[in-house]
Amino acid sequence: MDTIELGAHAKMIISNKAYNLIFEKVKEKYLMAWSQTGSHQTELRETIYNTVVALTDVKKEIESLAVAGDNETFKKEQEDLNG
């Protein structure tokens, strides 16, 4: 799968109305779980925190792939125009 095709698939995911809602609901659940831990539960708190960071990274990667696909499409269009 090339950058343009992967970007198009990523854009379909992002354009889905449930996309942001799902990410925010999952993040909210983890943050709620984190807030209910005791300060002495350092390992669990760290695990939950790292999970939230990873979730954010996944969302950013999907969005980055969509932008990369758009950029590659634009680049090819410009190359076609300029011969």
PDB file of N, CA and C in Angstrom:
ATOM      1  N   MET A   1       0.863  -1.171   0.000  1.00  0.00           N
ATOM      2  CA  MET A   1       0.000   0.000   0.000  1.00  0.00           C
ATOM      3  C   MET A   1       0.910   1.234   0.000  1.00  0.00           C
ATOM      4  N   ASP A   2       0.675   2.113  -0.946  1.00  0.00           N
ATOM      5  CA  ASP A   2       1.514   3.311  -1.008  1.00  0.00           C
ATOM      6  C   ASP A   2       0.972   4.411  -0.095  1.00  0.00           C
ATOM      7  N   THR A   3       1.722   5.497  -0.013  1.00  0.00           N
ATOM      8  CA  THR A   3       1.391   6.597   0.895  1.00  0.00           C
ATOM      9  C   THR A   3       0.032   7.212   0.585  1.00  0.00           C
ATOM     10  N   ILE A   4      -0.275   7.347  -0.694  1.00  0.00           N
ATOM     11  CA  ILE A   4      -1.552   7.953  -1.080  1.00  0.00           C
ATOM     12  C   ILE A   4      -2.719   7.065  -0.671  1.00  0.00           C
ATOM     13  N   GLU A   5      -2.607   5.769  -0.933  1.00  0.00           N
ATOM     14  CA  GLU A   5      -3.687   4.851  -0.581  1.00  0.00           C
ATOM     15  C   GLU A   5      -3.852   4.758   0.937  1.00  0.00           C
ATOM     16  N   LEU A   6      -2.740   4.660   1.643  1.00  0.00           N
ATOM     17  CA  LEU A   6      -2.794   4.600   3.102  1.00  0.00           C
ATOM     18  C   LEU A   6      -3.395   5.887   3.665  1.00  0.00           C
ATOM     19  N   GLY A   7      -3.012   7.006   3.100  1.00  0.00           N
ATOM     20  CA  GLY A   7      -3.570   8.296   3.524  1.00  0.00           C
ATOM     21  C   GLY A   7      -5.064   8.377   3.294  1.00  0.00           C
ATOM     22  N   ALA A   8      -5.514   7.833   2.169  1.00  0.00           N
ATOM     23  CA  ALA A   8      -6.951   7.839   1.872  1.00  0.00           C
ATOM     24  C   ALA A   8      -7.719   7.006   2.891  1.00  0.00           C
ATOM     25  N   HIS A   9      -7.157   5.860   3.253  1.00  0.00           N
ATOM     26  CA  HIS A   9      -7.806   5.025   4.271  1.00  0.00           C
ATOM     27  C   HIS A   9      -7.817   5.732   5.625  1.00  0.00           C
ATOM     28  N   ALA A  10      -6.720   6.390   5.955  1.00  0.00           N
ATOM     29  CA  ALA A  10      -6.654   7.135   7.220  1.00  0.00           C
ATOM     30  C   ALA A  10      -7.683   8.262   7.231  1.00  0.00           C
ATOM     31  N   LYS A  11      -7.855   8.935   6.098  1.00  0.00           N
ATOM     32  CA  LYS A  11      -8.854  10.007   6.013  1.00  0.00           C
ATOM     33  C   LYS A  11     -10.264   9.474   6.203  1.00  0.00           C
ATOM     34  N   MET A  12     -10.527   8.270   5.697  1.00  0.00           N
ATOM     35  CA  MET A  12     -11.850   7.671   5.891  1.00  0.00           C
ATOM     36  C   MET A  12     -12.110   7.426   7.378  1.00  0.00           C
ATOM     37  N   ILE A  13     -11.088   6.980   8.074  1.00  0.00           N
ATOM     38  CA  ILE A  13     -11.229   6.749   9.513  1.00  0.00           C
ATOM     39  C   ILE A  13     -11.502   8.069  10.222  1.00  0.00           C
ATOM     40  N   ILE A  14     -10.719   9.078   9.917  1.00  0.00           N
ATOM     41  CA  ILE A  14     -10.848  10.382  10.569  1.00  0.00           C
ATOM     42  C   ILE A  14     -12.197  11.022  10.276  1.00  0.00           C
ATOM     43  N   SER A  15     -12.696  10.837   9.061  1.00  0.00           N
ATOM     44  CA  SER A  15     -13.960  11.474   8.687  1.00  0.00           C
ATOM     45  C   SER A  15     -15.169  10.779   9.308  1.00  0.00           C
ATOM     46  N   ASN A  16     -14.971   9.601   9.860  1.00  0.00           N
ATOM     47  CA  ASN A  16     -16.054   8.895  10.532  1.00  0.00           C
ATOM     48  C   ASN A  16     -16.453   9.669  11.787  1.00  0.00           C
ATOM     49  N   LYS A  17     -17.736   9.909  11.948  1.00  0.00           N
ATOM     50  CA  LYS A  17     -18.229  10.704  13.077  1.00  0.00           C
ATOM     51  C   LYS A  17     -17.862  10.098  14.426  1.00  0.00           C
ATOM     52  N   ALA A  18     -17.683   8.801  14.468  1.00  0.00           N
ATOM     53  CA  ALA A  18     -17.375   8.123  15.727  1.00  0.00           C
ATOM     54  C   ALA A  18     -15.897   8.235  16.114  1.00  0.00           C
ATOM     55  N   TYR A  19     -15.052   8.613  15.183  1.00  0.00           N
ATOM     56  CA  TYR A  19     -13.594   8.622  15.402  1.00  0.00           C
ATOM     57  C   TYR A  19     -13.188   9.372  16.673  1.00  0.00           C
ATOM     58  N   ASN A  20     -13.467  10.659  16.735  1.00  0.00           N
ATOM     59  CA  ASN A  20     -13.077  11.448  17.908  1.00  0.00           C
ATOM     60  C   ASN A  20     -13.816  10.993  19.163  1.00  0.00           C
ATOM     61  N   LEU A  21     -15.076  10.664  19.005  1.00  0.00           N
ATOM     62  CA  LEU A  21     -15.873  10.238  20.145  1.00  0.00           C
ATOM     63  C   LEU A  21     -15.290   8.984  20.794  1.00  0.00           C
ATOM     64  N   ILE A  22     -14.912   8.020  19.975  1.00  0.00           N
ATOM     65  CA  ILE A  22     -14.348   6.778  20.506  1.00  0.00           C
ATOM     66  C   ILE A  22     -13.031   7.043  21.221  1.00  0.00           C
ATOM     67  N   PHE A  23     -12.143   7.791  20.584  1.00  0.00           N
ATOM     68  CA  PHE A  23     -10.862   8.082  21.222  1.00  0.00           C
ATOM     69  C   PHE A  23     -11.060   8.827  22.544  1.00  0.00           C
ATOM     70  N   GLU A  24     -11.964   9.793  22.551  1.00  0.00           N
ATOM     71  CA  GLU A  24     -12.184  10.559  23.781  1.00  0.00           C
ATOM     72  C   GLU A  24     -12.823   9.709  24.874  1.00  0.00           C
ATOM     73  N   LYS A  25     -13.747   8.833  24.506  1.00  0.00           N
ATOM     74  CA  LYS A  25     -14.383   7.961  25.511  1.00  0.00           C
ATOM     75  C   LYS A  25     -13.367   7.011  26.136  1.00  0.00           C
ATOM     76  N   VAL A  26     -12.522   6.419  25.311  1.00  0.00           N
ATOM     77  CA  VAL A  26     -11.512   5.503  25.829  1.00  0.00           C
ATOM     78  C   VAL A  26     -10.521   6.249  26.714  1.00  0.00           C
ATOM     79  N   LYS A  27     -10.085   7.409  26.243  1.00  0.00           N
ATOM     80  CA  LYS A  27      -9.150   8.222  27.036  1.00  0.00           C
ATOM     81  C   LYS A  27      -9.778   8.613  28.375  1.00  0.00           C
ATOM     82  N   GLU A  28     -11.029   9.006  28.336  1.00  0.00           N
ATOM     83  CA  GLU A  28     -11.752   9.396  29.548  1.00  0.00           C
ATOM     84  C   GLU A  28     -11.824   8.229  30.544  1.00  0.00           C
ATOM     85  N   LYS A  29     -12.073   7.027  30.036  1.00  0.00           N
ATOM     86  CA  LYS A  29     -12.137   5.853  30.912  1.00  0.00           C
ATOM     87  C   LYS A  29     -10.799   5.607  31.596  1.00  0.00           C
ATOM     88  N   TYR A  30      -9.708   5.728  30.835  1.00  0.00           N
ATOM     89  CA  TYR A  30      -8.392   5.531  31.434  1.00  0.00           C
ATOM     90  C   TYR A  30      -8.071   6.622  32.453  1.00  0.00           C
ATOM     91  N   LEU A  31      -8.405   7.849  32.122  1.00  0.00           N
ATOM     92  CA  LEU A  31      -8.140   8.931  33.069  1.00  0.00           C
ATOM     93  C   LEU A  31      -8.982   8.791  34.336  1.00  0.00           C
ATOM     94  N   MET A  32     -10.200   8.307  34.190  1.00  0.00           N
ATOM     95  CA  MET A  32     -11.044   8.058  35.354  1.00  0.00           C
ATOM     96  C   MET A  32     -10.433   6.949  36.213  1.00  0.00           C
ATOM     97  N   ALA A  33      -9.970   5.904  35.568  1.00  0.00           N
ATOM     98  CA  ALA A  33      -9.327   4.809  36.302  1.00  0.00           C
ATOM     99  C   ALA A  33      -8.082   5.314  37.019  1.00  0.00           C
ATOM    100  N   TRP A  34      -7.307   6.156  36.351  1.00  0.00           N
ATOM    101  CA  TRP A  34      -6.098   6.728  36.953  1.00  0.00           C
ATOM    102  C   TRP A  34      -6.459   7.569  38.171  1.00  0.00           C
ATOM    103  N   SER A  35      -7.523   8.364  38.054  1.00  0.00           N
ATOM    104  CA  SER A  35      -7.905   9.248  39.159  1.00  0.00           C
ATOM    105  C   SER A  35      -8.402   8.468  40.377  1.00  0.00           C
ATOM    106  N   GLN A  36      -8.804   7.233  40.155  1.00  0.00           N
ATOM    107  CA  GLN A  36      -9.316   6.418  41.256  1.00  0.00           C
ATOM    108  C   GLN A  36      -8.230   5.556  41.906  1.00  0.00           C
ATOM    109  N   THR A  37      -7.003   5.683  41.433  1.00  0.00           N
ATOM    110  CA  THR A  37      -5.913   4.939  42.053  1.00  0.00           C
ATOM    111  C   THR A  37      -5.348   5.740  43.218  1.00  0.00           C
ATOM    112  N   GLY A  38      -4.750   5.033  44.123  1.00  0.00           N
ATOM    113  CA  GLY A  38      -4.099   5.694  45.245  1.00  0.00           C
ATOM    114  C   GLY A  38      -2.681   6.102  44.870  1.00  0.00           C
ATOM    115  N   SER A  39      -2.163   7.099  45.553  1.00  0.00           N
ATOM    116  CA  SER A  39      -0.811   7.573  45.245  1.00  0.00           C
ATOM    117  C   SER A  39       0.241   6.493  45.467  1.00  0.00           C
ATOM    118  N   HIS A  40      -0.067   5.503  46.271  1.00  0.00           N
ATOM    119  CA  HIS A  40       0.861   4.403  46.529  1.00  0.00           C
ATOM    120  C   HIS A  40       0.846   3.361  45.401  1.00  0.00           C
ATOM    121  N   GLN A  41      -0.107   3.453  44.489  1.00  0.00           N
ATOM    122  CA  GLN A  41      -0.218   2.502  43.381  1.00  0.00           C
ATOM    123  C   GLN A  41       0.571   2.999  42.171  1.00  0.00           C
ATOM    124  N   THR A  42       1.836   3.239  42.398  1.00  0.00           N
ATOM    125  CA  THR A  42       2.661   3.878  41.367  1.00  0.00           C
ATOM    126  C   THR A  42       2.760   3.062  40.082  1.00  0.00           C
ATOM    127  N   GLU A  43       2.895   1.753  40.189  1.00  0.00           N
ATOM    128  CA  GLU A  43       3.026   0.933  38.982  1.00  0.00           C
ATOM    129  C   GLU A  43       1.747   0.973  38.148  1.00  0.00           C
ATOM    130  N   LEU A  44       0.599   0.850  38.789  1.00  0.00           N
ATOM    131  CA  LEU A  44      -0.672   0.909  38.083  1.00  0.00           C
ATOM    132  C   LEU A  44      -0.891   2.293  37.476  1.00  0.00           C
ATOM    133  N   ARG A  45      -0.582   3.330  38.229  1.00  0.00           N
ATOM    134  CA  ARG A  45      -0.750   4.698  37.724  1.00  0.00           C
ATOM    135  C   ARG A  45       0.137   4.934  36.497  1.00  0.00           C
ATOM    136  N   GLU A  46       1.361   4.424  36.561  1.00  0.00           N
ATOM    137  CA  GLU A  46       2.285   4.575  35.440  1.00  0.00           C
ATOM    138  C   GLU A  46       1.783   3.816  34.215  1.00  0.00           C
ATOM    139  N   THR A  47       1.261   2.628  34.423  1.00  0.00           N
ATOM    140  CA  THR A  47       0.721   1.833  33.321  1.00  0.00           C
ATOM    141  C   THR A  47      -0.455   2.552  32.657  1.00  0.00           C
ATOM    142  N   ILE A  48      -1.352   3.071  33.461  1.00  0.00           N
ATOM    143  CA  ILE A  48      -2.507   3.786  32.913  1.00  0.00           C
ATOM    144  C   ILE A  48      -2.050   5.035  32.165  1.00  0.00           C
ATOM    145  N   TYR A  49      -1.122   5.775  32.751  1.00  0.00           N
ATOM    146  CA  TYR A  49      -0.597   6.982  32.101  1.00  0.00           C
ATOM    147  C   TYR A  49       0.022   6.619  30.743  1.00  0.00           C
ATOM    148  N   ASN A  50       0.857   5.589  30.723  1.00  0.00           N
ATOM    149  CA  ASN A  50       1.504   5.182  29.477  1.00  0.00           C
ATOM    150  C   ASN A  50       0.489   4.709  28.440  1.00  0.00           C
ATOM    151  N   THR A  51      -0.594   4.128  28.884  1.00  0.00           N
ATOM    152  CA  THR A  51      -1.657   3.705  27.972  1.00  0.00           C
ATOM    153  C   THR A  51      -2.324   4.920  27.327  1.00  0.00           C
ATOM    154  N   VAL A  52      -2.571   5.955  28.116  1.00  0.00           N
ATOM    155  CA  VAL A  52      -3.157   7.189  27.578  1.00  0.00           C
ATOM    156  C   VAL A  52      -2.210   7.822  26.567  1.00  0.00           C
ATOM    157  N   VAL A  53      -0.923   7.831  26.876  1.00  0.00           N
ATOM    158  CA  VAL A  53       0.067   8.372  25.938  1.00  0.00           C
ATOM    159  C   VAL A  53       0.063   7.566  24.642  1.00  0.00           C
ATOM    160  N   ALA A  54       0.016   6.238  24.752  1.00  0.00           N
ATOM    161  CA  ALA A  54      -0.002   5.385  23.565  1.00  0.00           C
ATOM    162  C   ALA A  54      -1.268   5.614  22.736  1.00  0.00           C
ATOM    163  N   LEU A  55      -2.388   5.758  23.400  1.00  0.00           N
ATOM    164  CA  LEU A  55      -3.645   6.030  22.702  1.00  0.00           C
ATOM    165  C   LEU A  55      -3.549   7.334  21.913  1.00  0.00           C
ATOM    166  N   THR A  56      -2.980   8.346  22.535  1.00  0.00           N
ATOM    167  CA  THR A  56      -2.781   9.631  21.870  1.00  0.00           C
ATOM    168  C   THR A  56      -1.845   9.485  20.676  1.00  0.00           C
ATOM    169  N   ASP A  57      -0.793   8.679  20.841  1.00  0.00           N
ATOM    170  CA  ASP A  57       0.139   8.437  19.741  1.00  0.00           C
ATOM    171  C   ASP A  57      -0.541   7.756  18.555  1.00  0.00           C
ATOM    172  N   VAL A  58      -1.421   6.813  18.826  1.00  0.00           N
ATOM    173  CA  VAL A  58      -2.145   6.126  17.744  1.00  0.00           C
ATOM    174  C   VAL A  58      -2.997   7.126  16.971  1.00  0.00           C
ATOM    175  N   LYS A  59      -3.709   7.974  17.700  1.00  0.00           N
ATOM    176  CA  LYS A  59      -4.563   8.974  17.052  1.00  0.00           C
ATOM    177  C   LYS A  59      -3.718   9.924  16.196  1.00  0.00           C
ATOM    178  N   LYS A  60      -2.601  10.379  16.734  1.00  0.00           N
ATOM    179  CA  LYS A  60      -1.717  11.285  15.981  1.00  0.00           C
ATOM    180  C   LYS A  60      -1.155  10.605  14.743  1.00  0.00           C
ATOM    181  N   GLU A  61      -0.841   9.320  14.849  1.00  0.00           N
ATOM    182  CA  GLU A  61      -0.289   8.597  13.704  1.00  0.00           C
ATOM    183  C   GLU A  61      -1.320   8.466  12.588  1.00  0.00           C
ATOM    184  N   ILE A  62      -2.549   8.163  12.931  1.00  0.00           N
ATOM    185  CA  ILE A  62      -3.606   8.082  11.919  1.00  0.00           C
ATOM    186  C   ILE A  62      -3.751   9.428  11.216  1.00  0.00           C
ATOM    187  N   GLU A  63      -3.766  10.500  11.988  1.00  0.00           N
ATOM    188  CA  GLU A  63      -3.906  11.843  11.411  1.00  0.00           C
ATOM    189  C   GLU A  63      -2.685  12.218  10.573  1.00  0.00           C
ATOM    190  N   SER A  64      -1.516  11.808  11.017  1.00  0.00           N
ATOM    191  CA  SER A  64      -0.289  12.080  10.268  1.00  0.00           C
ATOM    192  C   SER A  64      -0.285  11.341   8.925  1.00  0.00           C
ATOM    193  N   LEU A  65      -0.768  10.107   8.931  1.00  0.00           N
ATOM    194  CA  LEU A  65      -0.842   9.346   7.683  1.00  0.00           C
ATOM    195  C   LEU A  65      -1.804   9.993   6.695  1.00  0.00           C
ATOM    196  N   ALA A  66      -2.896  10.543   7.194  1.00  0.00           N
ATOM    197  CA  ALA A  66      -3.850  11.228   6.322  1.00  0.00           C
ATOM    198  C   ALA A  66      -3.198  12.443   5.677  1.00  0.00           C
ATOM    199  N   VAL A  67      -2.466  13.204   6.452  1.00  0.00           N
ATOM    200  CA  VAL A  67      -1.783  14.396   5.927  1.00  0.00           C
ATOM    201  C   VAL A  67      -0.696  13.992   4.930  1.00  0.00           C
ATOM    202  N   ALA A  68       0.054  12.937   5.251  1.00  0.00           N
ATOM    203  CA  ALA A  68       1.102  12.474   4.337  1.00  0.00           C
ATOM    204  C   ALA A  68       0.509  12.054   2.998  1.00  0.00           C
ATOM    205  N   GLY A  69      -0.644  11.416   3.033  1.00  0.00           N
ATOM    206  CA  GLY A  69      -1.314  11.037   1.789  1.00  0.00           C
ATOM    207  C   GLY A  69      -1.725  12.245   0.975  1.00  0.00           C
ATOM    208  N   ASP A  70      -2.261  13.250   1.651  1.00  0.00           N
ATOM    209  CA  ASP A  70      -2.632  14.497   0.959  1.00  0.00           C
ATOM    210  C   ASP A  70      -1.406  15.167   0.355  1.00  0.00           C
ATOM    211  N   ASN A  71      -0.326  15.199   1.110  1.00  0.00           N
ATOM    212  CA  ASN A  71       0.907  15.830   0.622  1.00  0.00           C
ATOM    213  C   ASN A  71       1.458  15.104  -0.596  1.00  0.00           C
ATOM    214  N   GLU A  72       1.423  13.781  -0.556  1.00  0.00           N
ATOM    215  CA  GLU A  72       1.918  12.994  -1.687  1.00  0.00           C
ATOM    216  C   GLU A  72       1.025  13.188  -2.913  1.00  0.00           C
ATOM    217  N   THR A  73      -0.273  13.249  -2.696  1.00  0.00           N
ATOM    218  CA  THR A  73      -1.201  13.513  -3.805  1.00  0.00           C
ATOM    219  C   THR A  73      -0.905  14.871  -4.427  1.00  0.00           C
ATOM    220  N   PHE A  74      -0.731  15.884  -3.610  1.00  0.00           N
ATOM    221  CA  PHE A  74      -0.416  17.228  -4.108  1.00  0.00           C
ATOM    222  C   PHE A  74       0.903  17.219  -4.879  1.00  0.00           C
ATOM    223  N   LYS A  75       1.898  16.538  -4.339  1.00  0.00           N
ATOM    224  CA  LYS A  75       3.209  16.474  -4.982  1.00  0.00           C
ATOM    225  C   LYS A  75       3.098  15.835  -6.370  1.00  0.00           C
ATOM    226  N   LYS A  76       2.340  14.737  -6.477  1.00  0.00           N
ATOM    227  CA  LYS A  76       2.175  14.069  -7.775  1.00  0.00           C
ATOM    228  C   LYS A  76       1.412  14.947  -8.757  1.00  0.00           C
ATOM    229  N   GLU A  77       0.402  15.654  -8.259  1.00  0.00           N
ATOM    230  CA  GLU A  77      -0.354  16.560  -9.126  1.00  0.00           C
ATOM    231  C   GLU A  77       0.545  17.665  -9.655  1.00  0.00           C
ATOM    232  N   GLN A  78       1.399  18.193  -8.816  1.00  0.00           N
ATOM    233  CA  GLN A  78       2.330  19.246  -9.233  1.00  0.00           C
ATOM    234  C   GLN A  78       3.335  18.712 -10.251  1.00  0.00           C
ATOM    235  N   GLU A  79       3.823  17.506 -10.048  1.00  0.00           N
ATOM    236  CA  GLU A  79       4.752  16.885 -10.994  1.00  0.00           C
ATOM    237  C   GLU A  79       4.074  16.674 -12.343  1.00  0.00           C
ATOM    238  N   ASP A  80       2.822  16.248 -12.326  1.00  0.00           N
ATOM    239  CA  ASP A  80       2.088  16.041 -13.570  1.00  0.00           C
ATOM    240  C   ASP A  80       1.880  17.351 -14.322  1.00  0.00           C
ATOM    241  N   LEU A  81       1.608  18.429 -13.572  1.00  0.00           N
ATOM    242  CA  LEU A  81       1.419  19.741 -14.203  1.00  0.00           C
ATOM    243  C   LEU A  81       2.707  20.284 -14.793  1.00  0.00           C
ATOM    244  N   ASN A  82       3.808  20.009 -14.120  1.00  0.00           N
ATOM    245  CA  ASN A  82       5.099  20.558 -14.550  1.00  0.00           C
ATOM    246  C   ASN A  82       5.847  19.650 -15.509  1.00  0.00           C
ATOM    247  N   GLY A  83       5.256  18.531 -15.829  1.00  0.00           N
ATOM    248  CA  GLY A  83       5.813  17.652 -16.839  1.00  0.00           C
ATOM    249  C   GLY A  83       6.769  16.705 -16.287  1.00  0.00           C
TER     250      GLY A  83
END
